[in-house]
PDB file of N, CA and C in Angstrom:
ATOM      1  N   GLN A   1       0.766  -1.183  -0.097  1.00  0.00           N
ATOM      2  CA  GLN A   1       0.084  -0.044  -0.089  1.00  0.00           C
ATOM      3  C   GLN A   1       0.820   1.308  -0.006  1.00  0.00           C
ATOM      4  N   VAL A   2       2.029   1.101   0.338  1.00  0.00           N
ATOM      5  CA  VAL A   2       2.939   2.265   0.457  1.00  0.00           C
ATOM      6  C   VAL A   2       3.796   2.462  -0.812  1.00  0.00           C
ATOM      7  N   LYS A   3       3.668   1.540  -1.740  1.00  0.00           N
ATOM      8  CA  LYS A   3       4.636   1.674  -2.949  1.00  0.00           C
ATOM      9  C   LYS A   3       4.278   2.875  -3.731  1.00  0.00           C
ATOM     10  N   PRO A   4       3.074   3.225  -3.988  1.00  0.00           N
ATOM     11  CA  PRO A   4       2.712   4.491  -4.750  1.00  0.00           C
ATOM     12  C   PRO A   4       3.376   5.813  -3.997  1.00  0.00           C
ATOM     13  N   GLN A   5       3.133   5.718  -2.544  1.00  0.00           N
ATOM     14  CA  GLN A   5       3.624   7.014  -1.860  1.00  0.00           C
ATOM     15  C   GLN A   5       5.157   6.972  -2.082  1.00  0.00           C
ATOM     16  N   PHE A   6       5.911   5.832  -1.854  1.00  0.00           N
ATOM     17  CA  PHE A   6       7.314   5.867  -2.190  1.00  0.00           C
ATOM     18  C   PHE A   6       7.700   6.394  -3.440  1.00  0.00           C
ATOM     19  N   GLU A   7       7.191   5.759  -4.440  1.00  0.00           N
ATOM     20  CA  GLU A   7       7.535   6.028  -5.890  1.00  0.00           C
ATOM     21  C   GLU A   7       7.304   7.609  -6.197  1.00  0.00           C
ATOM     22  N   SER A   8       6.180   8.104  -5.717  1.00  0.00           N
ATOM     23  CA  SER A   8       5.989   9.557  -5.867  1.00  0.00           C
ATOM     24  C   SER A   8       6.944  10.388  -5.204  1.00  0.00           C
ATOM     25  N   ARG A   9       7.226  10.187  -3.855  1.00  0.00           N
ATOM     26  CA  ARG A   9       8.248  10.971  -3.198  1.00  0.00           C
ATOM     27  C   ARG A   9       9.703  10.813  -3.665  1.00  0.00           C
ATOM     28  N   ALA A  10      10.027   9.492  -3.997  1.00  0.00           N
ATOM     29  CA  ALA A  10      11.380   9.353  -4.281  1.00  0.00           C
ATOM     30  C   ALA A  10      11.583   9.565  -5.811  1.00  0.00           C
ATOM     31  N   ASN A  11      10.645   9.897  -6.698  1.00  0.00           N
ATOM     32  CA  ASN A  11      10.605   9.916  -7.968  1.00  0.00           C
ATOM     33  C   ASN A  11      11.289   8.816  -8.718  1.00  0.00           C
ATOM     34  N   MET A  12      10.674   7.626  -8.382  1.00  0.00           N
ATOM     35  CA  MET A  12      11.153   6.350  -8.990  1.00  0.00           C
ATOM     36  C   MET A  12      10.071   5.682  -9.390  1.00  0.00           C
ATOM     37  N   ASN A  13      10.324   4.704 -10.407  1.00  0.00           N
ATOM     38  CA  ASN A  13       9.330   3.669 -10.667  1.00  0.00           C
ATOM     39  C   ASN A  13      10.016   2.262 -10.288  1.00  0.00           C
ATOM     40  N   CYS A  14       9.415   1.624  -9.462  1.00  0.00           N
ATOM     41  CA  CYS A  14      10.047   0.319  -9.005  1.00  0.00           C
ATOM     42  C   CYS A  14       9.411  -0.921  -9.592  1.00  0.00           C
ATOM     43  N   ARG A  15      10.130  -1.700 -10.468  1.00  0.00           N
ATOM     44  CA  ARG A  15       9.681  -2.781 -11.105  1.00  0.00           C
ATOM     45  C   ARG A  15       9.609  -4.001 -10.029  1.00  0.00           C
ATOM     46  N   VAL A  16      10.472  -3.947  -9.053  1.00  0.00           N
ATOM     47  CA  VAL A  16      10.520  -4.916  -7.977  1.00  0.00           C
ATOM     48  C   VAL A  16      10.204  -4.100  -6.629  1.00  0.00           C
ATOM     49  N   PHE A  17       9.355  -4.647  -5.703  1.00  0.00           N
ATOM     50  CA  PHE A  17       9.083  -3.901  -4.464  1.00  0.00           C
ATOM     51  C   PHE A  17       8.744  -4.997  -3.623  1.00  0.00           C
ATOM     52  N   THR A  18       9.856  -5.773  -2.991  1.00  0.00           N
ATOM     53  CA  THR A  18       9.710  -6.820  -2.111  1.00  0.00           C
ATOM     54  C   THR A  18      10.178  -6.552  -0.694  1.00  0.00           C
ATOM     55  N   ALA A  19       9.380  -6.683   0.323  1.00  0.00           N
ATOM     56  CA  ALA A  19       9.859  -6.531   1.592  1.00  0.00           C
ATOM     57  C   ALA A  19      10.729  -7.650   2.036  1.00  0.00           C
ATOM     58  N   ILE A  20      11.904  -7.453   2.511  1.00  0.00           N
ATOM     59  CA  ILE A  20      12.887  -8.423   2.893  1.00  0.00           C
ATOM     60  C   ILE A  20      12.981  -8.684   4.374  1.00  0.00           C
ATOM     61  N   GLU A  21      12.762  -7.588   5.208  1.00  0.00           N
ATOM     62  CA  GLU A  21      12.963  -7.595   6.638  1.00  0.00           C
ATOM     63  C   GLU A  21      12.133  -6.439   7.214  1.00  0.00           C
ATOM     64  N   TYR A  22      11.637  -6.683   8.411  1.00  0.00           N
ATOM     65  CA  TYR A  22      11.095  -5.337   9.072  1.00  0.00           C
ATOM     66  C   TYR A  22      11.173  -5.511  10.577  1.00  0.00           C
ATOM     67  N   ARG A  23      11.106  -4.383  11.277  1.00  0.00           N
ATOM     68  CA  ARG A  23      10.995  -4.351  12.608  1.00  0.00           C
ATOM     69  C   ARG A  23       9.896  -3.310  13.141  1.00  0.00           C
ATOM     70  N   THR A  24       9.296  -3.511  14.224  1.00  0.00           N
ATOM     71  CA  THR A  24       8.299  -2.501  14.632  1.00  0.00           C
ATOM     72  C   THR A  24       8.687  -1.739  15.909  1.00  0.00           C
ATOM     73  N   GLN A  25       8.022  -0.605  16.065  1.00  0.00           N
ATOM     74  CA  GLN A  25       8.079   0.163  17.263  1.00  0.00           C
ATOM     75  C   GLN A  25       6.726   0.682  17.609  1.00  0.00           C
ATOM     76  N   VAL A  26       6.300   0.512  18.832  1.00  0.00           N
ATOM     77  CA  VAL A  26       4.946   0.890  19.234  1.00  0.00           C
ATOM     78  C   VAL A  26       5.056   2.299  19.555  1.00  0.00           C
ATOM     79  N   VAL A  27       4.149   3.149  18.871  1.00  0.00           N
ATOM     80  CA  VAL A  27       4.004   4.549  19.192  1.00  0.00           C
ATOM     81  C   VAL A  27       2.492   4.783  19.247  1.00  0.00           C
ATOM     82  N   ALA A  28       1.855   5.993  18.831  1.00  0.00           N
ATOM     83  CA  ALA A  28       0.438   6.030  18.634  1.00  0.00           C
ATOM     84  C   ALA A  28      -0.084   5.337  17.458  1.00  0.00           C
ATOM     85  N   GLY A  29       0.087   3.954  17.494  1.00  0.00           N
ATOM     86  CA  GLY A  29      -0.044   3.210  16.439  1.00  0.00           C
ATOM     87  C   GLY A  29       1.085   2.188  16.322  1.00  0.00           C
ATOM     88  N   ILE A  30       1.572   1.839  15.256  1.00  0.00           N
ATOM     89  CA  ILE A  30       2.784   0.919  15.090  1.00  0.00           C
ATOM     90  C   ILE A  30       3.609   1.486  14.010  1.00  0.00           C
ATOM     91  N   MET A  31       4.919   1.777  14.258  1.00  0.00           N
ATOM     92  CA  MET A  31       5.872   2.349  13.367  1.00  0.00           C
ATOM     93  C   MET A  31       6.585   1.025  12.843  1.00  0.00           C
ATOM     94  N   TYR A  32       6.566   0.812  11.411  1.00  0.00           N
ATOM     95  CA  TYR A  32       7.283  -0.194  10.843  1.00  0.00           C
ATOM     96  C   TYR A  32       8.571   0.270  10.140  1.00  0.00           C
ATOM     97  N   TYR A  33       9.693  -0.352  10.393  1.00  0.00           N
ATOM     98  CA  TYR A  33      10.801  -0.083   9.526  1.00  0.00           C
ATOM     99  C   TYR A  33      11.092  -1.215   8.678  1.00  0.00           C
ATOM    100  N   ILE A  34      11.112  -0.990   7.312  1.00  0.00           N
ATOM    101  CA  ILE A  34      10.948  -2.132   6.323  1.00  0.00           C
ATOM    102  C   ILE A  34      12.083  -1.972   5.325  1.00  0.00           C
ATOM    103  N   LYS A  35      12.892  -3.064   5.192  1.00  0.00           N
ATOM    104  CA  LYS A  35      13.904  -3.099   4.105  1.00  0.00           C
ATOM    105  C   LYS A  35      13.179  -3.702   2.957  1.00  0.00           C
ATOM    106  N   VAL A  36      13.296  -2.957   1.794  1.00  0.00           N
ATOM    107  CA  VAL A  36      12.585  -3.216   0.621  1.00  0.00           C
ATOM    108  C   VAL A  36      13.557  -3.372  -0.553  1.00  0.00           C
ATOM    109  N   GLN A  37      13.472  -4.489  -1.267  1.00  0.00           N
ATOM    110  CA  GLN A  37      14.265  -4.603  -2.507  1.00  0.00           C
ATOM    111  C   GLN A  37      13.495  -3.911  -3.683  1.00  0.00           C
ATOM    112  N   VAL A  38      14.215  -2.906  -4.383  1.00  0.00           N
ATOM    113  CA  VAL A  38      13.634  -2.173  -5.384  1.00  0.00           C
ATOM    114  C   VAL A  38      14.202  -2.381  -6.788  1.00  0.00           C
ATOM    115  N   SER A  39      15.295  -3.118  -6.915  1.00  0.00           N
ATOM    116  CA  SER A  39      16.018  -3.561  -8.063  1.00  0.00           C
ATOM    117  C   SER A  39      16.827  -4.797  -7.803  1.00  0.00           C
ATOM    118  N   ASP A  40      17.624  -5.196  -8.779  1.00  0.00           N
ATOM    119  CA  ASP A  40      18.328  -6.455  -8.578  1.00  0.00           C
ATOM    120  C   ASP A  40      19.404  -6.170  -7.487  1.00  0.00           C
ATOM    121  N   ALA A  41      19.962  -5.065  -7.294  1.00  0.00           N
ATOM    122  CA  ALA A  41      20.946  -4.874  -6.175  1.00  0.00           C
ATOM    123  C   ALA A  41      20.546  -3.583  -5.272  1.00  0.00           C
ATOM    124  N   GLY A  42      19.385  -3.016  -5.597  1.00  0.00           N
ATOM    125  CA  GLY A  42      19.008  -1.636  -4.917  1.00  0.00           C
ATOM    126  C   GLY A  42      18.003  -1.989  -3.788  1.00  0.00           C
ATOM    127  N   TYR A  43      18.285  -1.450  -2.574  1.00  0.00           N
ATOM    128  CA  TYR A  43      17.390  -1.458  -1.540  1.00  0.00           C
ATOM    129  C   TYR A  43      16.988  -0.139  -0.894  1.00  0.00           C
ATOM    130  N   VAL A  44      15.937  -0.007  -0.299  1.00  0.00           N
ATOM    131  CA  VAL A  44      15.656   1.135   0.539  1.00  0.00           C
ATOM    132  C   VAL A  44      15.067   0.756   1.825  1.00  0.00           C
ATOM    133  N   HIS A  45      15.112   1.751   2.829  1.00  0.00           N
ATOM    134  CA  HIS A  45      14.556   1.408   4.109  1.00  0.00           C
ATOM    135  C   HIS A  45      13.296   2.407   4.128  1.00  0.00           C
ATOM    136  N   LEU A  46      12.251   1.816   4.636  1.00  0.00           N
ATOM    137  CA  LEU A  46      11.015   2.612   4.687  1.00  0.00           C
ATOM    138  C   LEU A  46      10.578   2.789   6.140  1.00  0.00           C
ATOM    139  N   LYS A  47      10.073   3.939   6.524  1.00  0.00           N
ATOM    140  CA  LYS A  47       9.392   4.184   7.860  1.00  0.00           C
ATOM    141  C   LYS A  47       8.007   4.363   7.592  1.00  0.00           C
ATOM    142  N   VAL A  48       7.146   3.411   8.042  1.00  0.00           N
ATOM    143  CA  VAL A  48       5.710   3.437   7.807  1.00  0.00           C
ATOM    144  C   VAL A  48       4.917   3.406   9.079  1.00  0.00           C
ATOM    145  N   LEU A  49       4.105   4.345   9.204  1.00  0.00           N
ATOM    146  CA  LEU A  49       3.100   4.385  10.368  1.00  0.00           C
ATOM    147  C   LEU A  49       1.757   3.766  10.007  1.00  0.00           C
ATOM    148  N   GLN A  50       1.425   2.788  10.843  1.00  0.00           N
ATOM    149  CA  GLN A  50       0.063   2.244  10.919  1.00  0.00           C
ATOM    150  C   GLN A  50      -0.674   2.618  12.152  1.00  0.00           C
ATOM    151  N   SER A  51      -1.734   3.594  11.660  1.00  0.00           N
ATOM    152  CA  SER A  51      -2.342   4.319  12.825  1.00  0.00           C
ATOM    153  C   SER A  51      -3.267   3.399  13.695  1.00  0.00           C
ATOM    154  N   LEU A  52      -3.657   3.886  14.822  1.00  0.00           N
ATOM    155  CA  LEU A  52      -4.552   3.024  15.585  1.00  0.00           C
ATOM    156  C   LEU A  52      -5.858   2.661  14.862  1.00  0.00           C
ATOM    157  N   PRO A  53      -6.456   1.529  15.014  1.00  0.00           N
ATOM    158  CA  PRO A  53      -7.503   1.006  14.356  1.00  0.00           C
ATOM    159  C   PRO A  53      -8.825   1.965  14.354  1.00  0.00           C
ATOM    160  N   HIS A  54      -8.992   2.751  15.407  1.00  0.00           N
ATOM    161  CA  HIS A  54     -10.312   3.526  15.429  1.00  0.00           C
ATOM    162  C   HIS A  54     -10.060   4.729  14.473  1.00  0.00           C
ATOM    163  N   GLU A  55      -8.869   5.107  13.988  1.00  0.00           N
ATOM    164  CA  GLU A  55      -8.619   6.212  13.075  1.00  0.00           C
ATOM    165  C   GLU A  55      -8.954   5.885  11.576  1.00  0.00           C
ATOM    166  N   ASN A  56      -9.151   4.581  11.325  1.00  0.00           N
ATOM    167  CA  ASN A  56      -9.541   4.101  10.001  1.00  0.00           C
ATOM    168  C   ASN A  56      -8.724   4.722   8.928  1.00  0.00           C
ATOM    169  N   GLN A  57      -7.305   4.758   9.200  1.00  0.00           N
ATOM    170  CA  GLN A  57      -6.446   5.153   8.082  1.00  0.00           C
ATOM    171  C   GLN A  57      -5.530   3.985   7.753  1.00  0.00           C
ATOM    172  N   GLY A  58      -5.167   3.929   6.460  1.00  0.00           N
ATOM    173  CA  GLY A  58      -4.262   2.930   5.906  1.00  0.00           C
ATOM    174  C   GLY A  58      -2.738   3.315   6.474  1.00  0.00           C
ATOM    175  N   PRO A  59      -1.747   2.573   5.921  1.00  0.00           N
ATOM    176  CA  PRO A  59      -0.480   2.782   6.384  1.00  0.00           C
ATOM    177  C   PRO A  59       0.019   3.990   5.723  1.00  0.00           C
ATOM    178  N   SER A  60       0.916   4.866   6.268  1.00  0.00           N
ATOM    179  CA  SER A  60       1.384   5.949   5.752  1.00  0.00           C
ATOM    180  C   SER A  60       2.884   6.107   5.763  1.00  0.00           C
ATOM    181  N   LEU A  61       3.552   6.403   4.665  1.00  0.00           N
ATOM    182  CA  LEU A  61       4.955   6.503   4.437  1.00  0.00           C
ATOM    183  C   LEU A  61       5.332   7.734   5.259  1.00  0.00           C
ATOM    184  N   VAL A  62       6.283   7.622   6.308  1.00  0.00           N
ATOM    185  CA  VAL A  62       6.709   8.707   7.044  1.00  0.00           C
ATOM    186  C   VAL A  62       8.066   9.259   6.499  1.00  0.00           C
ATOM    187  N   ASP A  63       8.995   8.340   6.138  1.00  0.00           N
ATOM    188  CA  ASP A  63      10.416   8.710   5.777  1.00  0.00           C
ATOM    189  C   ASP A  63      10.925   7.492   5.069  1.00  0.00           C
ATOM    190  N   PHE A  64      11.949   7.715   4.296  1.00  0.00           N
ATOM    191  CA  PHE A  64      12.672   6.600   3.701  1.00  0.00           C
ATOM    192  C   PHE A  64      14.102   6.952   3.369  1.00  0.00           C
ATOM    193  N   GLN A  65      14.953   5.912   3.375  1.00  0.00           N
ATOM    194  CA  GLN A  65      16.425   5.993   3.118  1.00  0.00           C
ATOM    195  C   GLN A  65      16.726   5.208   1.796  1.00  0.00           C
ATOM    196  N   THR A  66      17.367   5.842   0.881  1.00  0.00           N
ATOM    197  CA  THR A  66      17.645   5.091  -0.422  1.00  0.00           C
ATOM    198  C   THR A  66      19.245   4.747  -0.301  1.00  0.00           C
ATOM    199  N   GLY A  67      19.598   3.988  -1.399  1.00  0.00           N
ATOM    200  CA  GLY A  67      21.064   3.806  -1.488  1.00  0.00           C
ATOM    201  C   GLY A  67      21.475   2.733  -0.599  1.00  0.00           C
ATOM    202  N   LYS A  68      20.677   1.858  -0.120  1.00  0.00           N
ATOM    203  CA  LYS A  68      21.007   0.661   0.797  1.00  0.00           C
ATOM    204  C   LYS A  68      21.270  -0.483   0.128  1.00  0.00           C
ATOM    205  N   SER A  69      21.960  -1.407   0.835  1.00  0.00           N
ATOM    206  CA  SER A  69      22.358  -2.768   0.319  1.00  0.00           C
ATOM    207  C   SER A  69      21.655  -3.752   1.122  1.00  0.00           C
ATOM    208  N   ARG A  70      21.687  -4.995   0.541  1.00  0.00           N
ATOM    209  CA  ARG A  70      20.971  -6.189   1.184  1.00  0.00           C
ATOM    210  C   ARG A  70      21.643  -6.274   2.743  1.00  0.00           C
ATOM    211  N   ASP A  71      22.980  -5.930   2.922  1.00  0.00           N
ATOM    212  CA  ASP A  71      23.682  -6.118   4.034  1.00  0.00           C
ATOM    213  C   ASP A  71      23.622  -4.950   5.128  1.00  0.00           C
ATOM    214  N   ASP A  72      23.088  -3.846   4.632  1.00  0.00           N
ATOM    215  CA  ASP A  72      22.932  -2.814   5.546  1.00  0.00           C
ATOM    216  C   ASP A  72      21.954  -3.154   6.751  1.00  0.00           C
ATOM    217  N   PRO A  73      22.254  -2.822   8.038  1.00  0.00           N
ATOM    218  CA  PRO A  73      21.444  -3.225   9.022  1.00  0.00           C
ATOM    219  C   PRO A  73      20.174  -2.277   9.008  1.00  0.00           C
ATOM    220  N   LEU A  74      19.021  -2.785   9.372  1.00  0.00           N
ATOM    221  CA  LEU A  74      17.824  -2.084   9.429  1.00  0.00           C
ATOM    222  C   LEU A  74      17.764  -1.463  10.863  1.00  0.00           C
ATOM    223  N   THR A  75      17.768  -0.088  10.901  1.00  0.00           N
ATOM    224  CA  THR A  75      17.865   0.620  12.185  1.00  0.00           C
ATOM    225  C   THR A  75      16.716   1.532  12.279  1.00  0.00           C
ATOM    226  N   TYR A  76      16.383   2.021  13.388  1.00  0.00           N
ATOM    227  CA  TYR A  76      15.397   3.141  13.675  1.00  0.00           C
ATOM    228  C   TYR A  76      15.971   4.400  13.008  1.00  0.00           C
ATOM    229  N   PHE A  77      15.268   5.213  12.422  1.00  0.00           N
ATOM    230  CA  PHE A  77      15.579   6.590  12.023  1.00  0.00           C
ATOM    231  C   PHE A  77      14.514   7.496  11.984  1.00  0.00           C
TER     232      PHE A  77
END
């Protein structure tokens, strides 16, 4: 659900968009940190907020980091 948000903000078209790894942090909802493969050797880290259920909102892209590799550790940012 966040692929269109990422493509728009990063000005990229991703033929591959596969989540490889994720971690969570509980805030006013759940913050997901997701490592996503976007090309054969290209990876990005996404920071996605899933609001509380009563807010009836889908996941929202908060921030992202490009230029990552498969071996880069997934950290909070």
